[in-house]
Amino acid sequence: MEARRTTSAIPTRIVFRTAHADDAGYLRQIQQLVSDEKLKPTAWGFLDKGSIPKRIALNAFEQVFIYEIPHTDVFNERLRQSPFRQLSSLEYTVLVYTCLGVTNFVIGRLLRFSDKKIERIIQGIAEKLKIPSRDQEAKKPTLIERRMRLYYIAVIQGFINKDLLWEEDETLRRKVKEEIKGLAAESVKVSIDREWLGQ
């Protein structure tokens, strides 16, 4: 993957064999890999470890490693059944950034939306995940903070996992470093934790 970031001349062939086929975050990571033009393998397959017939497994390996034909049937079926399909690609991206603790203002900057639009998207995600909104009528302090509840439900229901968050955190760190490179400290629009940034 690292080599393919710098050149497109590496004909990578990959088969994913996993015991985590029900993990929506894991499926999302694979989907991003095989749909990224810079990282996309020339042929790829997906096997649900221990739950498919040996004949299908052998067929997948033969297609990918001998004939270099993508074997996507099992993966596409898993994607179709995955809970993260409830969310659009934009909603899923906002969910990941929210779980990383990124503010609405910065999510908006990253995705080129206003922070108001990001707030509406987060509200929509919460509704889809059946997280109740604060009761405006009661005018009482809320028992549970909605944004933290969103993170909890996303983890419990398998929408995200720690590996996905770790990768996205690394990607965000690289993106921020690139953006602020060469800028004077006073021209940076947001406060940044230098320890997180690694500076």
Protein backbone atom coordinates (compact mmCIF):
# COMPACT_ATOMS: atom_id res chain seq x y z
CA MET A 1 0.00 0.00 0.00
CA GLU A 2 2.80 2.41 0.87
CA ALA A 3 4.58 1.63 -2.40
CA ARG A 4 1.40 2.17 -4.40
CA ARG A 5 1.09 5.67 -2.93
CA THR A 6 4.10 6.72 -5.00
CA THR A 7 3.68 4.64 -8.18
CA SER A 8 0.88 2.96 -10.11
CA ALA A 9 3.17 0.33 -11.63
CA ILE A 10 2.84 -2.22 -8.82
CA PRO A 11 0.25 -4.89 -9.74
CA THR A 12 -0.88 -5.79 -6.23
CA ARG A 13 -3.23 -8.75 -5.79
CA ILE A 14 -4.98 -9.16 -2.45
CA VAL A 15 -7.37 -11.62 -0.85
CA PHE A 16 -8.96 -10.59 2.44
CA ARG A 17 -9.55 -13.62 4.68
CA THR A 18 -11.19 -12.57 7.89
CA ALA A 19 -13.09 -13.68 10.95
CA HIS A 20 -14.47 -10.14 11.27
CA ALA A 21 -16.90 -10.18 8.35
CA ASP A 22 -19.68 -8.83 10.57
CA ASP A 23 -17.59 -5.82 11.63
CA ALA A 24 -18.98 -2.86 9.66
CA GLY A 25 -15.85 -0.79 10.32
CA TYR A 26 -13.64 -3.55 8.91
CA LEU A 27 -15.79 -3.86 5.77
CA ARG A 28 -15.63 -0.08 5.36
CA GLN A 29 -11.82 -0.20 5.50
CA ILE A 30 -11.73 -2.84 2.76
CA GLN A 31 -14.21 -0.91 0.66
CA GLN A 32 -12.07 2.22 0.89
CA LEU A 33 -8.96 0.28 -0.08
CA VAL A 34 -10.44 -1.37 -3.17
CA SER A 35 -12.21 1.82 -4.33
CA ASP A 36 -9.22 4.17 -3.86
CA GLU A 37 -7.67 4.80 -7.27
CA LYS A 38 -4.18 5.14 -5.79
CA LEU A 39 -4.33 1.95 -3.71
CA LYS A 40 -6.74 -0.26 -5.65
CA PRO A 41 -5.24 -3.72 -6.26
CA THR A 42 -5.37 -5.02 -9.84
CA ALA A 43 -7.34 -8.03 -8.54
CA TRP A 44 -8.81 -8.75 -5.15
CA GLY A 45 -11.07 -11.16 -3.30
CA PHE A 46 -12.79 -11.50 0.03
CA LEU A 47 -13.30 -14.64 2.15
CA ASP A 48 -15.36 -15.00 5.29
CA LYS A 49 -13.10 -17.29 7.32
CA GLY A 50 -14.69 -20.58 8.27
CA SER A 51 -18.18 -19.86 6.95
CA ILE A 52 -17.98 -20.57 3.21
CA PRO A 53 -17.46 -23.86 1.31
CA LYS A 54 -13.90 -24.85 0.45
CA ARG A 55 -14.85 -24.85 -3.24
CA ILE A 56 -15.69 -21.11 -3.11
CA ALA A 57 -12.44 -20.35 -1.27
CA LEU A 58 -10.36 -22.22 -3.86
CA ASN A 59 -12.27 -20.50 -6.66
CA ALA A 60 -11.54 -17.07 -5.13
CA PHE A 61 -7.81 -17.78 -4.83
CA GLU A 62 -7.68 -19.14 -8.37
CA GLN A 63 -9.44 -16.11 -9.82
CA VAL A 64 -7.34 -13.57 -7.94
CA PHE A 65 -3.86 -15.12 -8.00
CA ILE A 66 -3.91 -17.08 -11.25
CA TYR A 67 -6.35 -15.32 -13.58
CA GLU A 68 -6.22 -11.89 -11.88
CA ILE A 69 -10.00 -11.52 -11.93
CA PRO A 70 -11.72 -9.74 -9.02
CA HIS A 71 -13.84 -12.08 -6.92
CA THR A 72 -16.41 -9.80 -5.32
CA ASP A 73 -19.61 -11.80 -4.79
CA VAL A 74 -19.05 -12.65 -1.11
CA PHE A 75 -17.78 -9.17 -0.27
CA ASN A 76 -20.62 -7.41 -2.08
CA GLU A 77 -23.16 -9.52 -0.22
CA ARG A 78 -21.49 -8.62 3.09
CA LEU A 79 -21.51 -4.95 2.14
CA ARG A 80 -25.21 -5.13 1.29
CA GLN A 81 -26.00 -6.61 4.71
CA SER A 82 -23.62 -4.35 6.67
CA PRO A 83 -25.22 -1.91 9.14
CA PHE A 84 -23.07 0.99 7.88
CA ARG A 85 -25.10 0.91 4.64
CA GLN A 86 -27.77 2.78 6.60
CA LEU A 87 -25.53 5.83 6.26
CA SER A 88 -24.49 7.65 3.10
CA SER A 89 -20.76 7.96 2.37
CA LEU A 90 -20.86 11.60 3.57
CA GLU A 91 -22.68 10.63 6.78
CA TYR A 92 -20.19 7.87 7.48
CA THR A 93 -17.24 10.25 6.99
CA VAL A 94 -18.83 12.78 9.37
CA LEU A 95 -19.47 9.96 11.89
CA VAL A 96 -15.80 8.94 11.82
CA TYR A 97 -14.60 12.53 12.29
CA THR A 98 -17.11 13.01 15.10
CA CYS A 99 -15.83 9.88 16.85
CA LEU A 100 -12.27 11.23 16.50
CA GLY A 101 -13.42 14.30 18.43
CA VAL A 102 -13.12 16.72 15.50
CA THR A 103 -15.23 19.86 15.95
CA ASN A 104 -18.06 20.74 13.56
CA PHE A 105 -16.13 23.80 12.38
CA VAL A 106 -13.11 21.68 11.35
CA ILE A 107 -15.23 18.88 9.85
CA GLY A 108 -16.88 21.59 7.75
CA ARG A 109 -13.50 22.91 6.63
CA LEU A 110 -12.29 19.42 5.73
CA LEU A 111 -15.45 18.59 3.75
CA ARG A 112 -16.10 22.14 2.47
CA PHE A 113 -19.42 22.59 4.27
CA SER A 114 -20.60 25.07 6.87
CA ASP A 115 -20.54 23.93 10.50
CA LYS A 116 -24.35 24.36 10.50
CA LYS A 117 -24.58 21.81 7.66
CA ILE A 118 -22.34 19.43 9.63
CA GLU A 119 -24.60 19.82 12.68
CA ARG A 120 -27.62 18.87 10.55
CA ILE A 121 -25.77 15.83 9.21
CA ILE A 122 -24.88 14.72 12.76
CA GLN A 123 -28.53 15.14 13.77
CA GLY A 124 -29.54 12.98 10.81
CA ILE A 125 -27.03 10.28 11.80
CA ALA A 126 -28.34 10.32 15.37
CA GLU A 127 -31.90 9.91 14.12
CA LYS A 128 -30.89 6.96 11.91
CA LEU A 129 -29.16 5.34 14.88
CA LYS A 130 -32.25 6.06 17.01
CA ILE A 131 -30.45 8.29 19.50
CA PRO A 132 -33.13 10.52 21.10
CA SER A 133 -32.72 14.27 20.88
CA ARG A 134 -32.75 16.55 23.90
CA ASP A 135 -36.32 17.29 25.03
CA GLN A 136 -36.69 21.00 24.31
CA GLU A 137 -40.01 21.18 26.19
CA ALA A 138 -38.67 20.03 29.53
CA LYS A 139 -35.87 22.62 29.67
CA LYS A 140 -33.92 20.36 32.01
CA PRO A 141 -30.30 19.27 31.89
CA THR A 142 -29.93 16.18 29.72
CA LEU A 143 -28.88 12.89 31.30
CA ILE A 144 -26.66 11.76 28.42
CA GLU A 145 -24.68 13.95 26.02
CA ARG A 146 -25.87 13.13 22.49
CA ARG A 147 -22.52 13.34 20.72
CA MET A 148 -20.86 10.94 23.19
CA ARG A 149 -23.88 8.64 22.89
CA LEU A 150 -23.36 8.67 19.12
CA TYR A 151 -19.78 7.47 19.60
CA TYR A 152 -20.90 4.73 21.99
CA ILE A 153 -23.62 3.42 19.65
CA ALA A 154 -21.26 3.54 16.65
CA VAL A 155 -18.75 1.32 18.51
CA ILE A 156 -21.31 -1.05 20.05
CA GLN A 157 -23.13 -1.60 16.76
CA GLY A 158 -19.86 -2.12 14.87
CA PHE A 159 -20.07 0.93 12.61
CA ILE A 160 -16.48 1.74 13.52
CA ASN A 161 -13.60 -0.05 15.24
CA LYS A 162 -10.34 1.01 16.84
CA ASP A 163 -8.25 0.12 13.77
CA LEU A 164 -10.41 2.29 11.53
CA LEU A 165 -10.19 5.19 14.01
CA TRP A 166 -6.42 4.76 14.33
CA GLU A 167 -6.00 4.88 10.54
CA GLU A 168 -8.29 7.89 10.18
CA ASP A 169 -6.47 9.68 13.01
CA GLU A 170 -3.15 9.11 11.22
CA THR A 171 -4.62 10.37 7.94
CA LEU A 172 -6.05 13.46 9.65
CA ARG A 173 -2.70 14.18 11.31
CA ARG A 174 -0.92 14.03 7.93
CA LYS A 175 -3.56 16.26 6.33
CA VAL A 176 -3.26 18.88 9.09
CA LYS A 177 0.54 18.87 8.89
CA GLU A 178 0.35 19.45 5.13
CA GLU A 179 -2.14 22.30 5.55
CA ILE A 180 -0.18 24.21 8.17
CA LYS A 181 3.27 23.62 6.66
CA GLY A 182 4.86 26.98 6.01
CA LEU A 183 2.03 28.95 7.65
CA ALA A 184 2.72 31.41 10.41
CA ALA A 185 1.28 30.28 13.77
CA GLU A 186 -1.10 33.25 13.94
CA SER A 187 -2.61 32.44 10.51
CA VAL A 188 -3.77 28.95 11.59
CA LYS A 189 -7.54 29.17 12.06
CA VAL A 190 -7.91 26.61 14.88
CA SER A 191 -6.09 25.62 18.04
CA ILE A 192 -4.07 22.42 17.49
CA ASP A 193 -2.69 20.06 20.11
CA ARG A 194 1.02 20.02 19.21
CA GLU A 195 1.53 16.75 21.08
CA TRP A 196 -1.12 15.06 18.90
CA LEU A 197 0.45 16.62 15.84
CA GLY A 198 3.82 15.21 16.85
CA GLN A 199 5.61 18.58 17.00
